[in-house]
N, C-alpha and C. Protein backbone atom coordinates (compact mmCIF):
# COMPACT_ATOMS: atom_id res chain seq x y z
N MET A 1 71.64 151.43 111.23
CA MET A 1 70.57 151.32 110.29
C MET A 1 70.56 150.04 109.59
N ARG A 2 71.85 149.52 109.24
CA ARG A 2 71.92 148.24 108.54
C ARG A 2 71.39 147.07 109.53
N ALA A 3 71.87 147.26 110.86
CA ALA A 3 71.46 146.14 111.70
C ALA A 3 69.83 146.11 111.90
N PHE A 4 69.23 147.27 111.91
CA PHE A 4 67.87 147.35 112.01
C PHE A 4 67.17 146.71 110.80
N THR A 5 67.75 147.12 109.54
CA THR A 5 67.28 146.53 108.28
C THR A 5 67.32 144.96 108.18
N GLY A 6 68.44 144.55 108.66
CA GLY A 6 68.76 143.13 108.68
C GLY A 6 67.79 142.30 109.69
N PHE A 7 67.50 142.96 110.74
CA PHE A 7 66.66 142.46 111.74
C PHE A 7 65.21 142.34 111.24
N ILE A 8 64.77 143.40 110.47
CA ILE A 8 63.42 143.54 109.92
C ILE A 8 63.26 142.41 108.89
N SER A 9 64.27 142.35 107.97
CA SER A 9 64.15 141.27 106.96
C SER A 9 64.16 139.87 107.41
N SER A 10 64.88 139.59 108.57
CA SER A 10 64.94 138.20 109.02
C SER A 10 63.66 137.95 109.73
N ALA A 11 63.00 138.97 110.41
CA ALA A 11 61.79 138.76 111.04
C ALA A 11 60.60 138.48 110.03
N VAL A 12 60.65 139.24 108.90
CA VAL A 12 59.66 139.04 107.91
C VAL A 12 59.75 137.53 107.23
N PHE A 13 61.05 137.30 107.08
CA PHE A 13 61.26 135.84 106.46
C PHE A 13 60.70 134.88 107.57
N SER A 14 61.06 134.96 108.74
CA SER A 14 60.65 134.00 109.73
C SER A 14 59.10 133.94 109.86
N LEU A 15 58.41 135.10 109.81
CA LEU A 15 56.94 135.13 109.88
C LEU A 15 56.39 134.55 108.59
N CYS A 16 56.96 134.78 107.38
CA CYS A 16 56.58 133.98 106.15
C CYS A 16 56.62 132.56 106.26
N PHE A 17 57.66 132.15 106.69
CA PHE A 17 57.99 130.66 106.82
C PHE A 17 57.04 130.00 107.75
N ALA A 18 56.78 130.71 108.89
CA ALA A 18 55.83 129.98 109.89
C ALA A 18 54.42 130.06 109.43
N VAL A 19 53.94 131.10 108.58
CA VAL A 19 52.67 131.11 108.10
C VAL A 19 52.51 130.03 107.06
N SER A 20 53.50 129.77 106.17
CA SER A 20 53.35 128.81 105.15
C SER A 20 53.44 127.48 105.77
N ALA A 21 54.08 127.28 106.80
CA ALA A 21 54.11 125.90 107.50
C ALA A 21 52.84 125.62 108.10
N LEU A 22 52.09 126.62 108.67
CA LEU A 22 50.94 126.37 109.28
C LEU A 22 49.77 126.17 108.26
N ALA A 23 49.90 126.86 107.17
CA ALA A 23 48.89 126.70 106.17
C ALA A 23 48.88 125.45 105.34
N SER A 24 50.11 124.77 105.24
CA SER A 24 50.16 123.62 104.44
C SER A 24 49.78 122.36 105.28
N ASP A 25 49.01 121.46 104.62
CA ASP A 25 48.44 120.48 105.26
C ASP A 25 49.50 119.23 104.93
N CYS A 26 50.02 118.67 105.90
CA CYS A 26 51.03 117.64 105.83
C CYS A 26 50.52 116.28 106.19
N PRO A 27 49.93 115.56 105.33
CA PRO A 27 49.43 114.24 105.67
C PRO A 27 50.51 113.33 106.11
N ASN A 28 50.05 112.33 106.96
CA ASN A 28 50.85 111.23 107.44
C ASN A 28 50.04 109.94 107.26
N PRO A 29 50.02 109.49 106.02
CA PRO A 29 49.22 108.23 105.82
C PRO A 29 49.85 106.97 106.50
N THR A 30 48.96 106.05 106.68
CA THR A 30 49.33 104.75 107.15
C THR A 30 49.78 103.88 105.97
N VAL A 31 50.43 102.88 106.29
CA VAL A 31 50.97 101.87 105.12
C VAL A 31 49.77 101.45 104.31
N GLU A 32 48.66 101.05 105.00
CA GLU A 32 47.47 100.55 104.30
C GLU A 32 47.02 101.67 103.29
N GLU A 33 46.97 102.82 103.74
CA GLU A 33 46.41 103.91 102.84
C GLU A 33 47.35 104.27 101.73
N LEU A 34 48.64 104.00 101.96
CA LEU A 34 49.52 104.12 100.78
C LEU A 34 49.44 102.97 99.90
N ARG A 35 49.12 101.79 100.21
CA ARG A 35 48.96 100.61 99.38
C ARG A 35 47.70 101.03 98.61
N ILE A 36 46.53 101.48 99.16
CA ILE A 36 45.37 101.84 98.40
C ILE A 36 45.62 102.91 97.43
N GLN A 37 46.38 103.95 97.78
CA GLN A 37 46.74 105.04 96.89
C GLN A 37 47.64 104.53 95.67
N MET A 38 48.36 103.60 95.96
CA MET A 38 49.38 103.19 94.83
C MET A 38 48.74 102.02 94.10
N HIS A 39 47.48 101.58 94.58
CA HIS A 39 46.84 100.49 93.88
C HIS A 39 47.83 99.23 93.86
N ARG A 40 48.44 98.92 95.09
CA ARG A 40 49.20 97.76 95.13
C ARG A 40 48.73 96.86 96.21
N GLY A 41 48.74 95.61 96.05
CA GLY A 41 48.37 94.62 97.06
C GLY A 41 49.59 94.42 98.13
N ALA A 42 49.18 93.72 99.19
CA ALA A 42 50.30 93.54 100.16
C ALA A 42 51.35 92.68 99.73
N THR A 43 51.09 91.83 98.65
CA THR A 43 52.14 90.92 98.23
C THR A 43 53.22 91.67 97.38
N GLU A 44 52.82 92.79 96.82
CA GLU A 44 53.76 93.54 95.88
C GLU A 44 54.70 94.32 96.70
N PHE A 45 54.65 94.55 98.01
CA PHE A 45 55.62 95.26 98.76
C PHE A 45 56.77 94.31 99.18
N PRO A 46 57.94 94.80 99.22
CA PRO A 46 59.05 93.88 99.51
C PRO A 46 58.93 93.31 100.98
N ALA A 47 59.56 92.18 101.15
CA ALA A 47 59.55 91.57 102.51
C ALA A 47 60.52 92.30 103.38
N GLU A 48 60.34 92.00 104.67
CA GLU A 48 61.31 92.67 105.65
C GLU A 48 62.69 92.27 105.30
N LEU A 49 63.65 93.27 105.63
CA LEU A 49 65.06 92.97 105.38
C LEU A 49 65.51 92.04 106.44
N LYS A 50 66.44 91.25 106.07
CA LYS A 50 67.15 90.20 106.93
C LYS A 50 68.49 90.63 107.10
N ARG A 51 69.20 90.10 108.20
CA ARG A 51 70.53 90.47 108.45
C ARG A 51 71.26 89.75 107.42
N PRO A 52 72.36 90.33 106.70
CA PRO A 52 73.19 89.78 105.69
C PRO A 52 74.12 88.79 106.42
N ALA A 53 74.56 87.83 105.52
CA ALA A 53 75.56 86.88 105.91
C ALA A 53 76.77 87.59 106.12
N LEU A 54 77.68 86.99 106.99
CA LEU A 54 78.99 87.60 107.32
C LEU A 54 79.83 87.60 106.07
N ALA A 55 80.27 88.69 105.68
CA ALA A 55 81.20 88.82 104.36
C ALA A 55 82.58 88.63 104.94
N PRO A 56 83.50 88.21 104.04
CA PRO A 56 84.86 88.07 104.35
C PRO A 56 85.45 89.43 104.68
N SER A 57 86.39 89.37 105.61
CA SER A 57 86.95 90.78 106.01
C SER A 57 87.93 91.26 104.95
N LEU A 58 88.02 92.58 104.64
CA LEU A 58 88.92 93.07 103.75
C LEU A 58 90.09 93.79 104.22
N GLY A 59 90.19 93.48 105.58
CA GLY A 59 91.26 94.23 106.43
C GLY A 59 90.90 95.32 107.34
N CYS A 60 89.69 95.82 107.03
CA CYS A 60 89.08 96.93 107.90
C CYS A 60 88.28 96.40 109.09
N ASP A 61 87.43 95.47 108.75
CA ASP A 61 86.59 94.91 109.80
C ASP A 61 87.22 93.69 110.29
N ARG A 62 87.16 93.48 111.77
CA ARG A 62 87.69 92.42 112.36
C ARG A 62 86.57 91.62 113.14
N PRO A 63 85.83 90.75 112.50
CA PRO A 63 84.65 90.20 113.20
C PRO A 63 85.11 89.04 114.07
N PHE A 64 84.09 88.81 115.10
CA PHE A 64 84.23 87.60 115.95
C PHE A 64 82.76 87.05 116.14
N ILE A 65 82.67 85.80 116.51
CA ILE A 65 81.42 85.11 116.65
C ILE A 65 81.24 84.93 118.17
N TYR A 66 80.21 85.34 118.70
CA TYR A 66 79.69 84.95 120.10
C TYR A 66 78.35 84.59 120.27
N ARG A 67 78.11 83.40 120.76
CA ARG A 67 76.78 82.97 120.69
C ARG A 67 75.92 82.99 119.47
N GLY A 68 76.61 82.76 118.46
CA GLY A 68 75.98 82.62 117.03
C GLY A 68 75.80 84.00 116.40
N GLU A 69 76.22 85.10 116.96
CA GLU A 69 76.00 86.39 116.49
C GLU A 69 77.49 87.05 116.02
N ALA A 70 77.51 87.64 114.97
CA ALA A 70 78.78 88.32 114.63
C ALA A 70 78.85 89.72 115.15
N TYR A 71 80.04 90.03 115.77
CA TYR A 71 80.40 91.30 116.29
C TYR A 71 81.59 91.75 115.80
N ALA A 72 81.91 93.18 115.83
CA ALA A 72 83.18 93.71 115.50
C ALA A 72 84.00 93.82 116.67
N VAL A 73 85.36 93.48 116.37
CA VAL A 73 86.33 93.75 117.44
C VAL A 73 86.56 95.07 117.90
N ASP A 74 86.47 95.89 116.90
CA ASP A 74 86.81 97.30 117.02
C ASP A 74 85.59 98.30 116.85
N PRO A 75 85.51 99.36 117.59
CA PRO A 75 84.34 100.33 117.09
C PRO A 75 84.77 101.00 115.88
N PRO A 76 83.84 101.66 115.22
CA PRO A 76 84.20 102.35 113.96
C PRO A 76 85.25 103.51 114.20
N GLN A 77 85.34 104.09 115.37
CA GLN A 77 86.33 105.15 115.50
C GLN A 77 87.73 104.77 115.62
N ALA A 78 88.08 103.63 116.19
CA ALA A 78 89.31 103.35 116.52
C ALA A 78 89.61 101.82 116.37
N ARG A 79 90.82 101.48 116.08
CA ARG A 79 91.14 100.03 115.91
C ARG A 79 91.80 99.62 117.32
N ASP A 80 91.09 99.51 118.32
CA ASP A 80 91.70 99.35 119.70
C ASP A 80 91.06 98.08 120.56
N ALA A 81 90.27 97.33 119.82
CA ALA A 81 89.67 96.07 120.41
C ALA A 81 88.86 96.37 121.63
N SER A 82 88.18 97.50 121.72
CA SER A 82 87.43 97.92 122.88
C SER A 82 86.02 97.11 122.87
N MET A 83 85.52 96.86 121.72
CA MET A 83 84.32 96.04 121.68
C MET A 83 84.57 94.62 122.20
N LEU A 84 85.62 94.05 121.77
CA LEU A 84 85.94 92.68 122.23
C LEU A 84 86.24 92.71 123.77
N ARG A 85 86.95 93.79 124.13
CA ARG A 85 87.29 93.90 125.57
C ARG A 85 85.93 93.92 126.41
N SER A 86 84.87 94.60 125.93
CA SER A 86 83.71 94.62 126.74
C SER A 86 82.96 93.21 126.87
N PHE A 87 83.35 92.26 125.86
CA PHE A 87 82.75 90.93 126.08
C PHE A 87 83.58 90.12 127.06
N VAL A 88 85.01 90.25 127.01
CA VAL A 88 85.83 89.33 127.84
C VAL A 88 86.18 90.10 129.24
N ARG A 89 85.59 91.06 129.58
CA ARG A 89 85.88 91.75 130.85
C ARG A 89 85.75 90.83 132.09
N GLU A 90 84.85 89.83 132.04
CA GLU A 90 84.67 89.09 133.08
C GLU A 90 85.80 88.07 133.46
N VAL A 91 86.68 87.85 132.48
CA VAL A 91 87.81 86.94 132.67
C VAL A 91 89.06 87.92 132.91
N PRO A 92 89.59 88.08 134.12
CA PRO A 92 90.69 88.96 134.44
C PRO A 92 91.87 88.83 133.42
N GLU A 93 92.33 87.59 133.18
CA GLU A 93 93.45 87.50 132.17
C GLU A 93 93.30 87.94 130.80
N ALA A 94 92.11 87.62 130.35
CA ALA A 94 91.73 88.04 128.86
C ALA A 94 91.52 89.60 128.86
N ASP A 95 90.87 90.16 129.97
CA ASP A 95 90.88 91.61 130.09
C ASP A 95 92.19 92.32 130.16
N GLU A 96 93.03 91.75 130.96
CA GLU A 96 94.47 92.31 131.08
C GLU A 96 95.29 92.30 129.78
N LEU A 97 95.03 91.28 128.98
CA LEU A 97 95.76 91.13 127.71
C LEU A 97 95.24 92.30 126.74
N LEU A 98 93.97 92.43 126.73
CA LEU A 98 93.41 93.48 125.88
C LEU A 98 93.76 94.87 126.41
N LYS A 99 93.82 95.03 127.74
CA LYS A 99 94.29 96.35 128.21
C LYS A 99 95.69 96.71 127.80
N SER A 100 96.51 95.60 127.84
CA SER A 100 97.94 95.78 127.36
C SER A 100 97.97 96.11 125.80
N TYR A 101 97.19 95.51 125.14
CA TYR A 101 96.99 95.63 123.67
C TYR A 101 96.69 97.25 123.37
N GLN A 102 95.70 97.72 124.11
CA GLN A 102 95.27 99.22 123.98
C GLN A 102 96.50 100.02 124.41
N GLU A 103 97.17 99.77 125.60
CA GLU A 103 98.25 100.62 126.02
C GLU A 103 99.43 100.64 125.07
N ARG A 104 99.68 99.52 124.39
CA ARG A 104 100.84 99.46 123.34
C ARG A 104 100.44 100.21 122.07
N ARG A 105 99.15 100.28 121.79
CA ARG A 105 98.77 101.02 120.55
C ARG A 105 98.95 102.47 120.92
N GLU A 106 98.66 102.91 122.19
CA GLU A 106 98.89 104.32 122.47
C GLU A 106 100.38 104.66 122.45
N ARG A 107 101.13 103.81 122.82
CA ARG A 107 102.65 103.93 122.76
C ARG A 107 103.12 104.16 121.40
N SER A 108 102.38 103.55 120.47
CA SER A 108 102.95 103.53 119.04
C SER A 108 102.73 104.95 118.45
N ARG A 109 101.85 105.75 119.07
CA ARG A 109 101.71 107.13 118.62
C ARG A 109 102.90 107.94 118.71
N LEU A 110 103.82 107.60 119.56
CA LEU A 110 105.01 108.31 119.76
C LEU A 110 105.83 108.43 118.41
N SER A 111 105.77 107.41 117.66
CA SER A 111 106.48 107.37 116.40
C SER A 111 105.99 108.42 115.42
N ALA A 112 104.66 108.78 115.58
CA ALA A 112 104.16 109.84 114.65
C ALA A 112 104.82 111.13 115.01
N TYR A 113 105.10 111.46 116.38
CA TYR A 113 105.69 112.68 116.63
C TYR A 113 107.11 112.76 116.33
N THR A 114 107.83 111.62 116.59
CA THR A 114 109.24 111.60 116.30
C THR A 114 109.43 111.67 114.73
N GLY A 115 108.59 110.98 113.98
CA GLY A 115 108.69 111.03 112.60
C GLY A 115 108.47 112.47 112.03
N SER A 116 107.50 113.21 112.57
CA SER A 116 107.16 114.54 112.25
C SER A 116 108.38 115.53 112.63
N ILE A 117 109.03 115.29 113.71
CA ILE A 117 110.05 116.07 114.06
C ILE A 117 111.27 115.84 113.10
N GLY A 118 111.43 114.61 112.75
CA GLY A 118 112.49 114.21 111.85
C GLY A 118 112.35 114.86 110.45
N ILE A 119 111.05 114.78 109.95
CA ILE A 119 110.86 115.48 108.63
C ILE A 119 110.94 116.97 108.60
N LEU A 120 110.53 117.48 109.78
CA LEU A 120 110.78 118.93 110.00
C LEU A 120 112.28 119.35 110.02
N MET A 121 113.07 118.51 110.59
CA MET A 121 114.56 118.69 110.74
C MET A 121 115.13 118.67 109.34
N MET A 122 114.62 117.64 108.47
CA MET A 122 115.16 117.54 107.16
C MET A 122 114.75 118.76 106.26
N ILE A 123 113.44 119.25 106.47
CA ILE A 123 112.94 120.42 105.66
C ILE A 123 113.72 121.67 105.98
N ILE A 124 114.01 121.93 107.35
CA ILE A 124 114.92 122.94 107.82
C ILE A 124 116.28 122.83 107.32
N ALA A 125 116.77 121.75 107.32
CA ALA A 125 118.21 121.64 106.75
C ALA A 125 118.25 121.94 105.30
N ASN A 126 117.25 121.51 104.53
CA ASN A 126 117.20 121.78 103.05
C ASN A 126 116.76 123.15 102.62
N THR A 127 116.04 123.87 103.41
CA THR A 127 115.49 125.08 103.03
C THR A 127 116.26 126.30 103.70
N PHE A 128 116.56 126.23 104.95
CA PHE A 128 117.15 127.34 105.56
C PHE A 128 118.69 127.34 105.74
N MET A 129 119.24 126.08 105.55
CA MET A 129 120.66 125.97 105.82
C MET A 129 121.45 125.76 104.53
N LYS A 130 120.91 125.98 103.32
CA LYS A 130 121.60 125.81 102.13
C LYS A 130 122.80 126.64 101.93
N GLN A 131 122.75 127.74 102.44
CA GLN A 131 123.86 128.81 102.23
C GLN A 131 125.02 128.53 103.19
N LEU A 132 124.89 127.66 104.09
CA LEU A 132 126.05 127.36 105.03
C LEU A 132 127.11 126.49 104.34
N ASP A 133 128.26 126.62 104.61
CA ASP A 133 129.33 125.86 103.96
C ASP A 133 129.41 124.60 104.82
N PRO A 134 129.28 123.42 104.14
CA PRO A 134 129.34 122.18 104.81
C PRO A 134 130.57 121.82 105.54
N SER A 135 131.82 122.47 105.04
CA SER A 135 133.07 122.19 105.60
C SER A 135 133.15 122.89 107.00
N LYS A 136 132.71 124.12 106.99
CA LYS A 136 132.80 124.94 108.23
C LYS A 136 131.69 124.65 109.25
N TYR A 137 130.48 124.51 108.62
CA TYR A 137 129.22 124.22 109.47
C TYR A 137 128.57 122.99 109.16
N PRO A 138 128.79 121.87 109.80
CA PRO A 138 128.25 120.64 109.40
C PRO A 138 126.90 120.52 110.02
N VAL A 139 126.33 121.65 110.46
CA VAL A 139 124.87 121.55 110.96
C VAL A 139 123.91 121.00 109.98
N ARG A 140 124.12 121.32 108.73
CA ARG A 140 123.13 120.89 107.73
C ARG A 140 123.08 119.36 107.61
N THR A 141 124.20 118.80 107.59
CA THR A 141 124.42 117.43 107.43
C THR A 141 123.76 116.73 108.75
N VAL A 142 124.15 117.38 109.96
CA VAL A 142 123.64 116.70 111.12
C VAL A 142 122.12 116.81 111.27
N PHE A 143 121.57 117.87 110.63
CA PHE A 143 120.07 117.92 110.65
C PHE A 143 119.45 117.03 109.77
N GLN A 144 120.11 116.83 108.45
CA GLN A 144 119.68 115.84 107.60
C GLN A 144 119.66 114.51 108.14
N THR A 145 120.79 114.06 108.55
CA THR A 145 121.13 112.77 109.11
C THR A 145 120.23 112.39 110.28
N GLY A 146 120.13 113.38 111.16
CA GLY A 146 119.23 113.26 112.48
C GLY A 146 117.85 113.07 112.04
N GLY A 147 117.37 114.05 111.05
CA GLY A 147 115.98 113.88 110.65
C GLY A 147 115.63 112.55 110.10
N LEU A 148 116.52 112.07 109.25
CA LEU A 148 116.36 110.76 108.56
C LEU A 148 116.25 109.63 109.63
N ALA A 149 117.24 109.70 110.56
CA ALA A 149 117.29 108.70 111.57
C ALA A 149 115.99 108.62 112.50
N LEU A 150 115.59 109.99 112.87
CA LEU A 150 114.35 109.93 113.62
C LEU A 150 113.08 109.47 112.88
N THR A 151 113.00 109.72 111.70
CA THR A 151 111.88 109.30 110.85
C THR A 151 111.92 107.83 110.66
N ALA A 152 113.07 107.22 110.21
CA ALA A 152 113.05 105.83 110.09
C ALA A 152 113.03 105.02 111.35
N GLY A 153 113.62 105.56 112.48
CA GLY A 153 113.64 104.86 113.72
C GLY A 153 112.12 104.82 114.23
N GLY A 154 111.42 105.97 114.08
CA GLY A 154 110.01 106.03 114.60
C GLY A 154 109.18 105.01 113.76
N PHE A 155 109.44 104.95 112.48
CA PHE A 155 108.65 104.02 111.68
C PHE A 155 108.94 102.52 112.14
N ILE A 156 110.24 102.25 112.26
CA ILE A 156 110.55 100.73 112.58
C ILE A 156 110.11 100.43 113.90
N TYR A 157 110.14 101.39 114.90
CA TYR A 157 109.74 101.08 116.25
C TYR A 157 108.08 100.88 116.34
N SER A 158 107.38 101.72 115.58
CA SER A 158 105.96 101.60 115.63
C SER A 158 105.57 100.31 114.77
N PHE A 159 106.24 100.00 113.65
CA PHE A 159 105.82 98.82 112.90
C PHE A 159 106.13 97.56 113.82
N SER A 160 107.21 97.42 114.45
CA SER A 160 107.50 96.26 115.16
C SER A 160 106.69 96.08 116.39
N LEU A 161 106.35 97.27 117.00
CA LEU A 161 105.36 97.25 118.19
C LEU A 161 103.96 96.85 117.79
N LEU A 162 103.50 97.32 116.63
CA LEU A 162 102.15 96.96 116.33
C LEU A 162 102.19 95.51 115.84
N ARG A 163 103.08 95.13 115.30
CA ARG A 163 103.11 93.68 114.74
C ARG A 163 103.10 92.74 115.91
N ALA A 164 103.93 93.00 116.97
CA ALA A 164 104.00 92.12 118.03
C ALA A 164 102.61 92.22 118.91
N ASN A 165 101.97 93.41 118.79
CA ASN A 165 100.84 93.68 119.56
C ASN A 165 99.58 92.82 119.10
N GLU A 166 99.62 92.51 117.88
CA GLU A 166 98.45 91.79 117.22
C GLU A 166 98.40 90.36 117.73
N SER A 167 99.38 89.83 118.34
CA SER A 167 99.23 88.49 118.94
C SER A 167 98.47 88.51 120.16
N LEU A 168 98.29 89.63 120.83
CA LEU A 168 97.46 89.64 122.02
C LEU A 168 96.02 89.42 121.91
N ILE A 169 95.43 89.71 120.83
CA ILE A 169 94.06 89.46 120.62
C ILE A 169 93.73 87.99 120.59
N PRO A 170 94.41 87.10 119.92
CA PRO A 170 94.05 85.64 119.97
C PRO A 170 94.43 85.15 121.34
N LYS A 171 95.56 85.64 121.97
CA LYS A 171 95.71 85.19 123.39
C LYS A 171 94.71 85.56 124.36
N SER A 172 94.02 86.66 124.16
CA SER A 172 93.03 87.10 125.09
C SER A 172 91.66 86.11 124.77
N VAL A 173 91.42 85.90 123.44
CA VAL A 173 90.31 85.00 123.21
C VAL A 173 90.55 83.55 123.70
N ASP A 174 91.82 83.08 123.63
CA ASP A 174 92.16 81.77 124.19
C ASP A 174 91.99 81.80 125.59
N ALA A 175 92.41 82.93 126.36
CA ALA A 175 92.19 82.90 127.85
C ALA A 175 90.66 82.87 128.12
N TRP A 176 89.89 83.54 127.31
CA TRP A 176 88.51 83.55 127.48
C TRP A 176 87.83 82.09 127.34
N ASN A 177 88.26 81.52 126.24
CA ASN A 177 87.81 80.17 125.96
C ASN A 177 88.28 79.13 127.02
N ALA A 178 89.45 79.30 127.56
CA ALA A 178 89.95 78.41 128.53
C ALA A 178 89.10 78.54 129.78
N ALA A 179 88.75 79.77 130.11
CA ALA A 179 87.90 80.08 131.43
C ALA A 179 86.37 79.64 131.15
N ARG A 180 85.96 79.79 129.88
CA ARG A 180 84.61 79.55 129.69
C ARG A 180 84.47 78.59 128.53
N PRO A 181 84.78 77.35 128.57
CA PRO A 181 84.68 76.49 127.38
C PRO A 181 83.22 76.25 126.90
N SER A 182 82.27 76.48 127.75
CA SER A 182 80.82 76.30 127.18
C SER A 182 80.32 77.50 126.49
N ASP A 183 81.03 78.65 126.56
CA ASP A 183 80.61 79.83 125.92
C ASP A 183 81.75 80.47 125.16
N PRO A 184 82.13 79.83 124.08
CA PRO A 184 83.44 80.31 123.37
C PRO A 184 83.23 81.51 122.38
N ILE A 185 84.29 82.12 122.21
CA ILE A 185 84.35 83.24 121.17
C ILE A 185 85.32 82.78 120.01
N GLU A 186 84.88 82.97 118.74
CA GLU A 186 85.59 82.58 117.66
C GLU A 186 85.96 83.78 116.73
N LEU A 187 87.43 84.02 116.61
CA LEU A 187 87.73 85.08 115.77
C LEU A 187 87.54 84.64 114.41
N LYS A 188 87.18 85.59 113.54
CA LYS A 188 86.91 85.30 112.13
C LYS A 188 87.83 86.16 111.29
N PHE A 189 89.06 86.44 111.68
CA PHE A 189 90.11 87.06 110.97
C PHE A 189 91.43 86.43 111.37
N GLN A 190 92.41 86.76 110.56
CA GLN A 190 93.80 86.26 110.75
C GLN A 190 94.53 87.53 111.40
N THR A 191 95.19 87.28 112.58
CA THR A 191 96.07 88.35 113.10
C THR A 191 97.38 88.26 112.45
N GLY A 192 98.11 89.31 112.65
CA GLY A 192 99.47 89.35 112.00
C GLY A 192 99.33 90.27 110.72
N TRP A 193 100.39 90.27 110.04
CA TRP A 193 100.57 91.19 108.94
C TRP A 193 101.06 90.28 107.75
N SER A 194 100.33 90.53 106.59
CA SER A 194 100.68 89.85 105.31
C SER A 194 100.86 90.92 104.36
N PHE A 195 101.96 90.65 103.58
CA PHE A 195 102.25 91.60 102.43
C PHE A 195 102.03 90.87 101.17
């Protein structure tokens, strides 16, 4: 009975909504009609928007200039230089350098897994192995030390890999510019890490 009542009420709601949508007149005026309605002249409306000047990068955007236009090295979803790679694909050396850049970034994800395992080992050691006597069962100390080593090792590996990886972007652009000196690409950001 409840299902039937729910069906009837939703059908009545849908019918009311459809009738009200058909009954209301929804005008779609032109810009000229809006100007007349608002008693404004054509000079009072704002001019068309122009492309803004390139702002300095704050570390998130990595722009480059190609044929007088500014483009982003990375798409919004990932920092993998795939937008730049689509430009330099015609020069095999430059394309190969950016392919290597992307593969190394994928390898750096390994440190996230090892770090998570290390933190999990430390949590297990501190919560479940508290009651074990450290002189008889050194498992807690092994778990704590091993977890700390995994976490620190994963961080150091990832940090050094990503730091060395950033040098591949300017090398790729240099390879492009050497192959096509009449059609250069100019990076508008500094690679490397600054603290």
